Protein backbone atom coordinates (compact mmCIF):
# COMPACT_ATOMS: atom_id res chain seq x y z
CA MET A 1 51.22 184.61 49.12
CA MET A 2 49.01 181.59 49.02
CA HIS A 3 48.62 178.64 46.56
CA ASP A 4 45.08 178.76 44.66
CA GLY A 5 45.22 176.29 42.16
CA TRP A 6 44.85 175.72 38.33
CA CYS A 7 45.96 178.26 35.73
CA PRO A 8 43.33 178.44 32.71
CA ASP A 9 45.88 179.55 30.50
CA CYS A 10 48.75 177.22 30.64
CA ASP A 11 46.67 174.56 32.47
CA MET A 12 49.39 174.05 35.34
CA GLN A 13 48.97 174.25 39.12
CA THR A 14 50.93 177.45 39.58
CA VAL A 15 48.31 179.98 40.59
CA VAL A 16 49.20 182.01 43.81
CA ILE A 17 47.29 184.82 45.66
CA ASP A 18 49.07 187.95 46.87
CA THR A 19 47.87 190.98 48.85
CA ASP A 20 49.15 194.14 49.64
CA ASP A 21 50.63 195.05 53.05
CA GLN A 22 47.23 196.39 54.44
CA GLY A 23 45.43 193.24 53.26
CA GLU A 24 42.82 195.30 51.44
CA ASN A 25 43.70 194.24 47.89
CA ALA A 26 44.32 190.79 46.39
CA TRP A 27 45.20 189.52 43.05
CA ALA A 28 46.04 185.99 41.59
CA SER A 29 48.82 185.37 39.38
CA CYS A 30 50.40 182.27 37.59
CA THR A 31 54.06 181.80 38.41
CA GLU A 32 54.52 179.70 35.30
CA CYS A 33 53.12 182.08 32.51
CA GLY A 34 52.85 185.25 34.43
CA VAL A 35 49.29 185.88 33.48
CA GLY A 36 47.33 187.95 36.38
CA TRP A 37 43.57 188.45 37.51
CA THR A 38 41.91 190.43 40.07
CA HIS A 39 41.09 188.04 42.98
CA ARG A 40 37.57 186.76 42.93
CA ASP A 41 36.69 188.15 46.23
CA GLU A 42 37.00 191.84 44.85
CA LEU A 43 34.63 191.41 41.81
CA PRO A 44 31.45 191.99 43.56
CA GLU A 45 32.74 195.19 45.12
CA LEU A 46 33.79 196.49 41.65
CA ALA A 47 30.55 195.80 40.14
CA VAL A 48 28.60 197.50 42.75
CA ALA A 49 30.77 200.57 42.41
CA ALA A 50 30.39 200.70 38.70
CA SER A 51 26.50 200.54 39.00
CA VAL A 52 26.23 203.70 41.13
CA PRO A 53 24.99 206.33 39.08
CA GLU A 54 27.05 209.49 38.45
CA ARG A 55 25.51 212.69 39.83
CA ARG A 56 26.18 215.96 37.95
CA ALA A 57 25.43 219.56 38.78
CA ALA A 58 22.88 221.23 36.45
């Protein structure tokens, strides 16, 4: 877990980043209000995966 800065929801410096045991997934959450977000480093990968067209059999 690592401190990351200010929470845009409660305006306090209580945001932390947490990762899974493999280090592949990360997310940020506020320790004060409990709001959570997907970590910003993962967003470009999600956008690329969503833009790949789906192939279907005829």
